């Protein structure tokens, strides 16, 4: 599973991927940004910063 991190202007700012049992957010440059226990924590944290997650099909 992989999700795009989208800012308020609709531009991709990074990705969130499931690696092992954790969700890891990567920045636009591909560097590891933050780890999350589950996808809900990732969504809530990124929402508080003004970003949304969009599924990559």
PDB file of N, CA and C in Angstrom:
ATOM      1  N   UNK A   1       0.838  -1.188   0.000  1.00  0.00           N
ATOM      2  CA  UNK A   1       0.000   0.000   0.000  1.00  0.00           C
ATOM      3  C   UNK A   1       0.879   1.246   0.000  1.00  0.00           C
ATOM      4  N   UNK A   2       0.465   2.201  -0.774  1.00  0.00           N
ATOM      5  CA  UNK A   2       1.205   3.455  -0.860  1.00  0.00           C
ATOM      6  C   UNK A   2       0.223   4.604  -1.067  1.00  0.00           C
ATOM      7  N   UNK A   3       0.507   5.713  -0.417  1.00  0.00           N
ATOM      8  CA  UNK A   3      -0.341   6.903  -0.512  1.00  0.00           C
ATOM      9  C   UNK A   3       0.517   8.110  -0.846  1.00  0.00           C
ATOM     10  N   UNK A   4      -0.060   9.046  -1.599  1.00  0.00           N
ATOM     11  CA  UNK A   4       0.598  10.319  -1.875  1.00  0.00           C
ATOM     12  C   UNK A   4       0.232  11.304  -0.779  1.00  0.00           C
ATOM     13  N   UNK A   5       1.190  12.127  -0.382  1.00  0.00           N
ATOM     14  CA  UNK A   5       0.926  13.234   0.538  1.00  0.00           C
ATOM     15  C   UNK A   5       0.677  14.458  -0.341  1.00  0.00           C
ATOM     16  N   UNK A   6      -0.520  15.033  -0.220  1.00  0.00           N
ATOM     17  CA  UNK A   6      -0.941  16.143  -1.083  1.00  0.00           C
ATOM     18  C   UNK A   6      -1.136  17.401  -0.242  1.00  0.00           C
ATOM     19  N   UNK A   7      -0.619  18.541  -0.721  1.00  0.00           N
ATOM     20  CA  UNK A   7      -0.824  19.802  -0.003  1.00  0.00           C
ATOM     21  C   UNK A   7      -2.134  20.451  -0.463  1.00  0.00           C
ATOM     22  N   UNK A   8      -2.455  21.613   0.068  1.00  0.00           N
ATOM     23  CA  UNK A   8      -3.696  22.305  -0.234  1.00  0.00           C
ATOM     24  C   UNK A   8      -3.836  22.737  -1.677  1.00  0.00           C
ATOM     25  N   UNK A   9      -2.737  22.810  -2.411  1.00  0.00           N
ATOM     26  CA  UNK A   9      -2.776  23.208  -3.817  1.00  0.00           C
ATOM     27  C   UNK A   9      -2.863  22.001  -4.744  1.00  0.00           C
ATOM     28  N   UNK A  10      -2.932  20.795  -4.174  1.00  0.00           N
ATOM     29  CA  UNK A  10      -3.036  19.585  -4.984  1.00  0.00           C
ATOM     30  C   UNK A  10      -1.710  19.051  -5.473  1.00  0.00           C
ATOM     31  N   UNK A  11      -0.612  19.549  -4.936  1.00  0.00           N
ATOM     32  CA  UNK A  11       0.718  19.106  -5.370  1.00  0.00           C
ATOM     33  C   UNK A  11       1.227  18.002  -4.443  1.00  0.00           C
ATOM     34  N   UNK A  12       1.876  16.991  -5.039  1.00  0.00           N
ATOM     35  CA  UNK A  12       2.418  15.911  -4.239  1.00  0.00           C
ATOM     36  C   UNK A  12       3.642  16.383  -3.467  1.00  0.00           C
ATOM     37  N   UNK A  13       3.647  16.099  -2.157  1.00  0.00           N
ATOM     38  CA  UNK A  13       4.742  16.524  -1.296  1.00  0.00           C
ATOM     39  C   UNK A  13       5.529  15.351  -0.731  1.00  0.00           C
ATOM     40  N   UNK A  14       5.110  14.129  -1.035  1.00  0.00           N
ATOM     41  CA  UNK A  14       5.804  12.951  -0.537  1.00  0.00           C
ATOM     42  C   UNK A  14       4.901  11.741  -0.627  1.00  0.00           C
ATOM     43  N   UNK A  15       5.321  10.648   0.031  1.00  0.00           N
ATOM     44  CA  UNK A  15       4.548   9.416   0.023  1.00  0.00           C
ATOM     45  C   UNK A  15       4.536   8.799   1.416  1.00  0.00           C
ATOM     46  N   UNK A  16       3.543   7.956   1.643  1.00  0.00           N
ATOM     47  CA  UNK A  16       3.460   7.152   2.860  1.00  0.00           C
ATOM     48  C   UNK A  16       3.370   5.705   2.396  1.00  0.00           C
ATOM     49  N   UNK A  17       4.298   4.862   2.882  1.00  0.00           N
ATOM     50  CA  UNK A  17       4.347   3.460   2.468  1.00  0.00           C
ATOM     51  C   UNK A  17       4.335   2.562   3.687  1.00  0.00           C
ATOM     52  N   UNK A  18       3.759   1.379   3.522  1.00  0.00           N
ATOM     53  CA  UNK A  18       3.787   0.378   4.584  1.00  0.00           C
ATOM     54  C   UNK A  18       5.061  -0.442   4.412  1.00  0.00           C
ATOM     55  N   UNK A  19       5.909  -0.413   5.434  1.00  0.00           N
ATOM     56  CA  UNK A  19       7.168  -1.157   5.419  1.00  0.00           C
ATOM     57  C   UNK A  19       7.176  -2.016   6.676  1.00  0.00           C
ATOM     58  N   UNK A  20       7.149  -3.330   6.485  1.00  0.00           N
ATOM     59  CA  UNK A  20       7.032  -4.212   7.635  1.00  0.00           C
ATOM     60  C   UNK A  20       5.677  -3.995   8.277  1.00  0.00           C
ATOM     61  N   UNK A  21       5.637  -3.709   9.565  1.00  0.00           N
ATOM     62  CA  UNK A  21       4.381  -3.458  10.251  1.00  0.00           C
ATOM     63  C   UNK A  21       4.114  -1.992  10.500  1.00  0.00           C
ATOM     64  N   UNK A  22       4.974  -1.104   9.974  1.00  0.00           N
ATOM     65  CA  UNK A  22       4.822   0.326  10.240  1.00  0.00           C
ATOM     66  C   UNK A  22       4.571   1.090   8.950  1.00  0.00           C
ATOM     67  N   UNK A  23       3.987   2.260   9.119  1.00  0.00           N
ATOM     68  CA  UNK A  23       3.786   3.188   8.007  1.00  0.00           C
ATOM     69  C   UNK A  23       4.874   4.250   8.096  1.00  0.00           C
ATOM     70  N   UNK A  24       5.561   4.488   6.988  1.00  0.00           N
ATOM     71  CA  UNK A  24       6.665   5.443   6.968  1.00  0.00           C
ATOM     72  C   UNK A  24       6.359   6.536   5.951  1.00  0.00           C
ATOM     73  N   UNK A  25       6.486   7.780   6.412  1.00  0.00           N
ATOM     74  CA  UNK A  25       6.282   8.933   5.523  1.00  0.00           C
ATOM     75  C   UNK A  25       7.628   9.359   4.967  1.00  0.00           C
ATOM     76  N   UNK A  26       7.669   9.567   3.655  1.00  0.00           N
ATOM     77  CA  UNK A  26       8.865  10.032   2.971  1.00  0.00           C
ATOM     78  C   UNK A  26       8.581  11.403   2.377  1.00  0.00           C
ATOM     79  N   UNK A  27       9.549  12.287   2.442  1.00  0.00           N
ATOM     80  CA  UNK A  27       9.409  13.618   1.879  1.00  0.00           C
ATOM     81  C   UNK A  27       9.536  13.607   0.368  1.00  0.00           C
ATOM     82  N   UNK A  28       9.386  14.755  -0.227  1.00  0.00           N
ATOM     83  CA  UNK A  28       9.458  14.905  -1.678  1.00  0.00           C
ATOM     84  C   UNK A  28      10.799  14.441  -2.233  1.00  0.00           C
ATOM     85  N   UNK A  29      11.871  14.607  -1.444  1.00  0.00           N
ATOM     86  CA  UNK A  29      13.205  14.212  -1.895  1.00  0.00           C
ATOM     87  C   UNK A  29      13.513  12.741  -1.626  1.00  0.00           C
ATOM     88  N   UNK A  30      12.547  11.994  -1.034  1.00  0.00           N
ATOM     89  CA  UNK A  30      12.735  10.569  -0.791  1.00  0.00           C
ATOM     90  C   UNK A  30      13.313  10.222   0.561  1.00  0.00           C
ATOM     91  N   UNK A  31      13.662  11.220   1.355  1.00  0.00           N
ATOM     92  CA  UNK A  31      14.193  10.958   2.693  1.00  0.00           C
ATOM     93  C   UNK A  31      13.077  10.576   3.659  1.00  0.00           C
ATOM     94  N   UNK A  32      13.403   9.676   4.580  1.00  0.00           N
ATOM     95  CA  UNK A  32      12.437   9.254   5.594  1.00  0.00           C
ATOM     96  C   UNK A  32      12.092  10.445   6.479  1.00  0.00           C
ATOM     97  N   UNK A  33      10.790  10.670   6.641  1.00  0.00           N
ATOM     98  CA  UNK A  33      10.307  11.838   7.370  1.00  0.00           C
ATOM     99  C   UNK A  33       9.841  11.448   8.769  1.00  0.00           C
ATOM    100  N   UNK A  34       9.025  10.391   8.871  1.00  0.00           N
ATOM    101  CA  UNK A  34       8.477   9.992  10.165  1.00  0.00           C
ATOM    102  C   UNK A  34       7.867   8.596  10.077  1.00  0.00           C
ATOM    103  N   UNK A  35       7.873   7.869  11.209  1.00  0.00           N
ATOM    104  CA  UNK A  35       7.244   6.545  11.293  1.00  0.00           C
ATOM    105  C   UNK A  35       5.944   6.641  12.075  1.00  0.00           C
ATOM    106  N   UNK A  36       4.976   5.808  11.689  1.00  0.00           N
ATOM    107  CA  UNK A  36       3.687   5.758  12.371  1.00  0.00           C
ATOM    108  C   UNK A  36       3.323   4.308  12.645  1.00  0.00           C
ATOM    109  N   UNK A  37       2.606   4.081  13.750  1.00  0.00           N
ATOM    110  CA  UNK A  37       2.167   2.732  14.108  1.00  0.00           C
ATOM    111  C   UNK A  37       1.079   2.225  13.162  1.00  0.00           C
ATOM    112  N   UNK A  38       0.199   3.128  12.723  1.00  0.00           N
ATOM    113  CA  UNK A  38      -0.853   2.727  11.792  1.00  0.00           C
ATOM    114  C   UNK A  38      -1.216   3.894  10.880  1.00  0.00           C
ATOM    115  N   UNK A  39      -2.021   3.599   9.879  1.00  0.00           N
ATOM    116  CA  UNK A  39      -2.367   4.611   8.882  1.00  0.00           C
ATOM    117  C   UNK A  39      -3.194   5.740   9.480  1.00  0.00           C
ATOM    118  N   UNK A  40      -4.034   5.445  10.461  1.00  0.00           N
ATOM    119  CA  UNK A  40      -4.867   6.475  11.099  1.00  0.00           C
ATOM    120  C   UNK A  40      -3.997   7.549  11.747  1.00  0.00           C
ATOM    121  N   UNK A  41      -2.935   7.133  12.439  1.00  0.00           N
ATOM    122  CA  UNK A  41      -2.022   8.101  13.061  1.00  0.00           C
ATOM    123  C   UNK A  41      -1.370   8.974  11.993  1.00  0.00           C
ATOM    124  N   UNK A  42      -0.970   8.365  10.883  1.00  0.00           N
ATOM    125  CA  UNK A  42      -0.351   9.116   9.783  1.00  0.00           C
ATOM    126  C   UNK A  42      -1.330  10.143   9.220  1.00  0.00           C
ATOM    127  N   UNK A  43      -2.578   9.726   8.991  1.00  0.00           N
ATOM    128  CA  UNK A  43      -3.588  10.637   8.443  1.00  0.00           C
ATOM    129  C   UNK A  43      -3.850  11.797   9.384  1.00  0.00           C
ATOM    130  N   UNK A  44      -4.001  11.519  10.667  1.00  0.00           N
ATOM    131  CA  UNK A  44      -4.297  12.578  11.630  1.00  0.00           C
ATOM    132  C   UNK A  44      -3.137  13.558  11.761  1.00  0.00           C
ATOM    133  N   UNK A  45      -1.920  13.047  11.797  1.00  0.00           N
ATOM    134  CA  UNK A  45      -0.749  13.915  11.923  1.00  0.00           C
ATOM    135  C   UNK A  45      -0.611  14.811  10.696  1.00  0.00           C
ATOM    136  N   UNK A  46      -0.698  14.221   9.513  1.00  0.00           N
ATOM    137  CA  UNK A  46      -0.543  15.009   8.284  1.00  0.00           C
ATOM    138  C   UNK A  46      -1.694  15.997   8.102  1.00  0.00           C
ATOM    139  N   UNK A  47      -2.898  15.612   8.522  1.00  0.00           N
ATOM    140  CA  UNK A  47      -4.042  16.530   8.441  1.00  0.00           C
ATOM    141  C   UNK A  47      -3.805  17.754   9.314  1.00  0.00           C
ATOM    142  N   UNK A  48      -3.193  17.552  10.483  1.00  0.00           N
ATOM    143  CA  UNK A  48      -2.917  18.677  11.379  1.00  0.00           C
ATOM    144  C   UNK A  48      -1.906  19.640  10.763  1.00  0.00           C
ATOM    145  N   UNK A  49      -1.088  19.152   9.814  1.00  0.00           N
ATOM    146  CA  UNK A  49      -0.123  20.009   9.126  1.00  0.00           C
ATOM    147  C   UNK A  49      -0.693  20.588   7.827  1.00  0.00           C
ATOM    148  N   UNK A  50      -1.931  20.232   7.486  1.00  0.00           N
ATOM    149  CA  UNK A  50      -2.570  20.780   6.293  1.00  0.00           C
ATOM    150  C   UNK A  50      -2.427  19.921   5.052  1.00  0.00           C
ATOM    151  N   UNK A  51      -2.089  18.633   5.228  1.00  0.00           N
ATOM    152  CA  UNK A  51      -1.940  17.725   4.095  1.00  0.00           C
ATOM    153  C   UNK A  51      -3.020  16.658   4.128  1.00  0.00           C
ATOM    154  N   UNK A  52      -3.258  16.045   2.984  1.00  0.00           N
ATOM    155  CA  UNK A  52      -4.163  14.908   2.911  1.00  0.00           C
ATOM    156  C   UNK A  52      -3.433  13.747   2.243  1.00  0.00           C
ATOM    157  N   UNK A  53      -3.975  12.541   2.437  1.00  0.00           N
ATOM    158  CA  UNK A  53      -3.425  11.361   1.789  1.00  0.00           C
ATOM    159  C   UNK A  53      -4.343  10.957   0.652  1.00  0.00           C
ATOM    160  N   UNK A  54      -3.734  10.571  -0.473  1.00  0.00           N
ATOM    161  CA  UNK A  54      -4.482  10.123  -1.642  1.00  0.00           C
ATOM    162  C   UNK A  54      -3.923   8.777  -2.040  1.00  0.00           C
ATOM    163  N   UNK A  55      -4.800   7.798  -2.193  1.00  0.00           N
ATOM    164  CA  UNK A  55      -4.370   6.439  -2.533  1.00  0.00           C
ATOM    165  C   UNK A  55      -3.752   6.399  -3.935  1.00  0.00           C
ATOM    166  N   UNK A  56      -2.687   5.617  -4.054  1.00  0.00           N
ATOM    167  CA  UNK A  56      -2.070   5.378  -5.356  1.00  0.00           C
ATOM    168  C   UNK A  56      -2.564   4.019  -5.821  1.00  0.00           C
ATOM    169  N   UNK A  57      -3.343   4.003  -6.908  1.00  0.00           N
ATOM    170  CA  UNK A  57      -3.946   2.743  -7.377  1.00  0.00           C
ATOM    171  C   UNK A  57      -3.015   1.982  -8.287  1.00  0.00           C
TER     172      UNK A  57
END
